[in-house]
Protein backbone atom coordinates (compact mmCIF):
# COMPACT_ATOMS: atom_id res chain seq x y z
CA MET A 1 20.22 32.47 20.11
CA LYS A 2 22.27 31.49 16.86
CA ARG A 3 25.71 32.95 18.37
CA ARG A 4 24.64 31.12 21.77
CA LEU A 5 24.52 27.65 19.56
CA THR A 6 27.90 28.71 17.85
CA TYR A 7 29.67 29.14 21.42
CA VAL A 8 28.50 25.94 22.49
CA LEU A 9 29.58 24.12 19.10
CA GLY A 10 32.71 25.57 19.49
CA PHE A 11 32.97 24.43 22.23
CA VAL A 12 32.15 20.78 22.05
CA LEU A 13 34.62 21.28 18.44
CA LEU A 14 37.36 22.04 20.68
CA ALA A 15 36.81 19.25 23.37
CA LEU A 16 36.69 16.81 20.47
CA LEU A 17 39.83 17.97 18.96
CA PHE A 18 41.80 17.89 22.67
CA PRO A 19 42.52 14.37 23.04
CA VAL A 20 44.13 14.39 19.24
CA PHE A 21 46.31 17.20 19.71
CA GLY A 22 47.53 15.35 23.53
CA PHE A 23 47.97 12.19 21.69
CA VAL A 24 50.22 14.36 19.03
CA THR A 25 51.82 15.96 21.57
CA ARG A 26 52.59 12.55 23.56
CA ALA A 27 53.69 10.86 20.39
CA ASN A 28 56.04 13.27 19.64
CA PRO A 29 57.99 14.52 22.78
CA ARG A 30 60.61 17.35 22.67
CA VAL A 31 64.16 16.20 21.98
CA ALA A 32 65.69 15.86 25.58
CA ILE A 33 68.73 15.05 27.52
CA ASN A 34 67.97 13.11 30.41
CA ASN A 35 71.44 12.54 32.27
CA VAL A 36 74.83 13.13 31.67
CA MET A 37 77.67 11.60 33.56
CA GLN A 38 81.55 11.30 33.37
CA VAL A 39 82.79 7.84 33.39
CA GLU A 40 86.02 7.66 35.72
CA ARG A 41 89.14 6.92 33.26
CA ALA A 42 92.93 7.11 33.57
CA GLY A 43 94.96 9.37 30.98
CA SER A 44 94.19 12.37 29.09
CA GLU A 45 90.36 11.27 27.50
CA THR A 46 87.69 12.48 29.14
CA HIS A 47 84.09 9.92 28.91
CA LEU A 48 80.73 11.05 28.89
CA VAL A 49 77.65 8.84 29.14
CA VAL A 50 74.80 10.47 28.01
CA VAL A 51 71.33 9.23 28.06
CA THR A 52 68.67 10.78 25.67
CA CYS A 53 64.79 10.48 25.40
CA LEU A 54 63.84 8.19 21.63
CA ASN A 55 63.69 10.99 19.22
CA VAL A 56 67.59 11.62 19.48
CA ASN A 57 69.56 10.57 16.42
CA TYR A 58 72.62 13.16 17.28
CA VAL A 59 74.70 13.72 20.47
CA TRP A 60 78.24 16.01 20.14
CA VAL A 61 79.94 17.96 23.07
CA ALA A 62 81.46 21.34 22.22
CA HIS A 63 84.60 22.09 24.10
CA GLY A 64 87.86 24.09 23.41
CA SER A 65 88.52 27.52 21.64
CA PRO A 66 88.06 27.08 19.06
CA GLN A 67 85.15 24.92 19.63
CA ARG A 68 84.97 20.91 18.82
CA PHE A 69 82.60 18.90 18.25
CA PRO A 70 83.43 15.25 19.19
CA GLN A 71 80.05 13.23 18.12
CA ALA A 72 78.93 10.52 20.49
CA GLY A 73 77.96 6.95 19.80
CA ARG A 74 75.16 5.05 20.65
CA ILE A 75 75.99 2.26 22.83
CA GLY A 76 72.15 1.39 24.14
CA LEU A 77 68.38 1.38 23.28
CA ASN A 78 65.53 0.53 25.55
CA ARG A 79 61.91 1.68 25.00
CA ARG A 80 62.23 4.80 27.27
CA ASN A 81 65.56 6.54 26.34
CA GLN A 82 68.93 6.13 24.77
CA THR A 83 72.41 5.79 26.01
CA TRP A 84 75.11 7.82 24.23
CA GLU A 85 78.71 7.52 24.81
CA VAL A 86 81.59 10.27 23.54
CA PHE A 87 85.42 10.14 24.25
CA PHE A 88 87.57 13.27 24.15
CA THR A 89 90.68 15.23 25.00
CA PRO A 90 90.03 18.69 27.02
CA GLU A 91 92.36 21.58 25.60
CA ASN A 92 92.63 22.76 29.27
CA ARG A 93 94.21 20.76 31.79
CA VAL A 94 92.24 22.12 34.09
CA ASP A 95 88.42 21.40 35.48
CA GLN A 96 86.08 23.32 32.79
CA THR A 97 82.51 23.19 31.83
CA VAL A 98 81.32 22.11 28.54
CA GLN A 99 78.08 21.59 26.30
CA VAL A 100 76.32 18.33 25.83
CA TRP A 101 73.93 18.62 22.56
CA ALA A 102 71.42 16.29 21.31
CA SER A 103 69.33 17.00 18.59
CA GLU A 104 66.86 14.67 15.89
CA GLY A 105 69.04 16.59 12.70
CA PHE A 106 72.77 16.82 12.67
CA TRP A 107 73.19 20.78 14.12
CA GLU A 108 71.39 22.95 16.93
CA GLN A 109 68.13 23.46 15.83
CA GLY A 110 65.81 22.12 17.70
CA ALA A 111 68.50 20.71 20.01
CA ASP A 112 68.45 20.38 23.76
CA VAL A 113 71.85 21.33 25.42
CA GLN A 114 73.14 20.91 28.97
CA PRO A 115 76.19 22.39 30.47
CA PHE A 116 78.38 19.37 32.34
CA PHE A 117 81.06 20.10 34.69
CA ILE A 118 83.78 17.70 34.01
CA ASP A 119 86.86 16.80 36.35
CA VAL A 120 89.98 16.78 34.47
CA ASP A 121 93.24 14.97 35.77
CA GLU A 122 95.92 17.36 35.80
CA ASN A 123 98.88 14.93 35.51
CA ALA A 124 97.39 12.72 33.23
CA PRO A 125 99.39 12.32 30.07
CA ILE A 126 99.68 14.34 27.18
CA ILE A 127 101.03 14.30 23.64
CA VAL A 128 101.73 17.81 23.04
CA SER A 129 103.04 17.66 19.71
CA VAL A 130 104.87 15.60 17.25
CA GLU A 131 108.06 15.98 14.43
CA ILE A 132 108.15 13.21 11.89
CA THR A 133 111.58 13.59 9.66
CA PRO A 134 113.62 10.89 7.84
CA VAL A 135 117.02 10.26 9.42
CA ALA A 136 119.42 7.71 7.18
CA GLY A 137 116.59 5.27 6.02
CA ASN A 138 115.12 5.61 8.86
CA ILE A 139 112.06 7.41 10.68
CA ARG A 140 112.63 9.44 13.50
CA ALA A 141 109.96 11.12 15.80
CA THR A 142 110.68 13.45 18.20
CA ILE A 143 107.85 14.12 20.75
CA VAL A 144 106.82 16.49 23.23
CA THR A 145 104.48 15.29 26.58
CA GLU A 146 103.11 16.87 29.25
CA GLY A 147 101.91 15.06 32.77
CA HIS A 148 103.12 11.99 34.25
CA VAL A 149 104.99 10.28 31.55
CA ASN A 150 107.45 8.17 32.02
CA ASN A 151 107.36 6.11 28.61
CA VAL A 152 106.78 7.03 25.30
CA TRP A 153 107.38 4.51 22.23
CA ALA A 154 106.31 3.46 19.08
CA ARG A 155 103.70 0.49 17.89
CA HIS A 156 103.60 -0.35 14.14
CA SER A 157 103.23 -3.55 11.95
CA SER A 158 104.92 -5.88 9.45
CA PRO A 159 105.99 -7.05 11.62
CA GLU A 160 104.79 -5.98 14.61
CA ARG A 161 107.82 -3.93 16.75
CA PHE A 162 107.34 -1.39 19.72
CA PRO A 163 110.41 0.73 19.42
CA HIS A 164 111.07 2.97 22.93
CA ALA A 165 111.91 6.81 22.79
CA VAL A 166 114.69 8.14 25.02
CA ARG A 167 114.46 11.50 26.95
CA ILE A 168 116.64 14.29 25.61
CA ASP A 169 115.06 17.09 27.65
CA GLN A 170 112.61 18.50 30.55
CA ASN A 171 111.60 21.50 31.00
CA GLY A 172 109.22 22.49 33.28
CA THR A 173 105.83 19.93 32.77
CA ARG A 174 107.29 19.15 29.29
CA GLN A 175 109.52 16.28 28.66
CA TYR A 176 111.06 15.97 25.00
CA TRP A 177 111.84 12.63 23.37
CA GLN A 178 113.19 10.56 19.92
CA VAL A 179 112.64 7.51 18.90
CA VAL A 180 114.04 6.26 15.41
CA PHE A 181 112.60 3.17 13.79
CA ASN A 182 112.46 2.07 10.21
CA LEU A 183 108.48 1.15 8.89
CA MET A 184 110.27 -1.74 6.38
CA ASN A 185 108.08 -1.31 3.40
CA ILE A 186 107.43 1.56 0.35
CA GLY A 187 103.76 3.10 0.55
CA THR A 188 101.12 4.57 3.13
CA GLN A 189 101.53 2.85 6.27
CA THR A 190 100.43 3.66 10.05
CA PHE A 191 101.69 4.12 13.35
CA THR A 192 100.82 5.04 16.64
CA LEU A 193 102.57 6.54 19.03
CA TYR A 194 101.87 5.97 23.31
CA ALA A 195 103.15 8.15 26.20
CA ASN A 196 102.09 7.11 30.19
CA GLU A 197 103.63 6.48 33.61
CA GLY A 198 103.82 2.43 32.93
CA PHE A 199 105.13 0.42 30.19
CA TRP A 200 101.44 -0.68 28.09
CA THR A 201 98.59 1.33 26.91
CA ASP A 202 96.57 0.90 29.76
CA GLY A 203 95.52 5.06 30.50
CA ALA A 204 98.21 6.37 28.12
CA ALA A 205 97.93 9.64 25.55
CA SER A 206 98.24 8.17 22.25
CA GLN A 207 98.48 9.57 18.13
CA SER A 208 98.35 7.66 15.33
CA HIS A 209 100.45 8.90 12.38
CA THR A 210 99.66 7.70 8.53
CA LEU A 211 102.74 8.39 6.28
CA TYR A 212 103.41 8.10 2.57
CA ILE A 213 106.88 6.89 1.47
CA GLN A 214 108.47 6.92 -1.54
CA ASN A 215 111.94 5.88 -2.54
CA ARG A 216 114.46 8.88 -3.61
CA GLY A 217 117.71 7.83 -4.93
CA LEU A 218 119.60 6.85 -2.00
CA GLY A 219 117.33 8.15 0.89
CA PHE A 220 113.35 8.49 0.78
CA ASP A 221 110.60 11.25 1.39
CA ILE A 222 108.16 10.93 3.76
CA ARG A 223 104.27 13.01 3.44
CA PRO A 224 102.32 13.18 6.61
CA ILE A 225 98.04 12.27 5.77
CA ARG A 226 96.11 12.86 8.21
CA PRO A 227 98.12 12.85 11.77
CA ARG A 228 94.85 11.84 14.41
CA ALA A 229 94.55 11.64 18.00
CA ASN A 230 92.86 8.58 19.34
């Protein structure tokens, strides 16, 4: 009799606790990626929009070899979900699958991951490399590009100018350019190089360079500081 009463009381206790556990489960849903979309975009960058549940604090994409991890920024929030966007340039100019991650913390523990197939424009402009050297008191940038590139130019301030590069060679899909300009001031300065089919920045590949320029006798020294691809 006592054993039967114990069983009954146990079932009653479980019945009372089940709604509590159910509420806790509903109040803390697992991290989830609800949707991933690729936005049509000219140029070498890929633009993904990611929709997640509310308790996601970080979204990023893993791609490349070695892998890189561009982080998304949140652009929308409502009562049901969050919207994020991330821009990155695929390492290989072929259609490929990347990994989209979402988590409460910064890294993989407890994260939701989804593979996503992206369409890569094989003819989009890409800046492969940039070599910067001082020449006769000026800056000379030698740029290597790939894709449909008809124009390469630099954009810098004080005052703002847009010197255009001259194509000096071409080998297969690669083009080689040079542009010479004066940064005017001594000290730390930043300029951006653009490459595309048209004249302006729409759909262009771009790369920013920060230099430290110091007087040395009749010439000057330059020191690159963290080149950055936009």
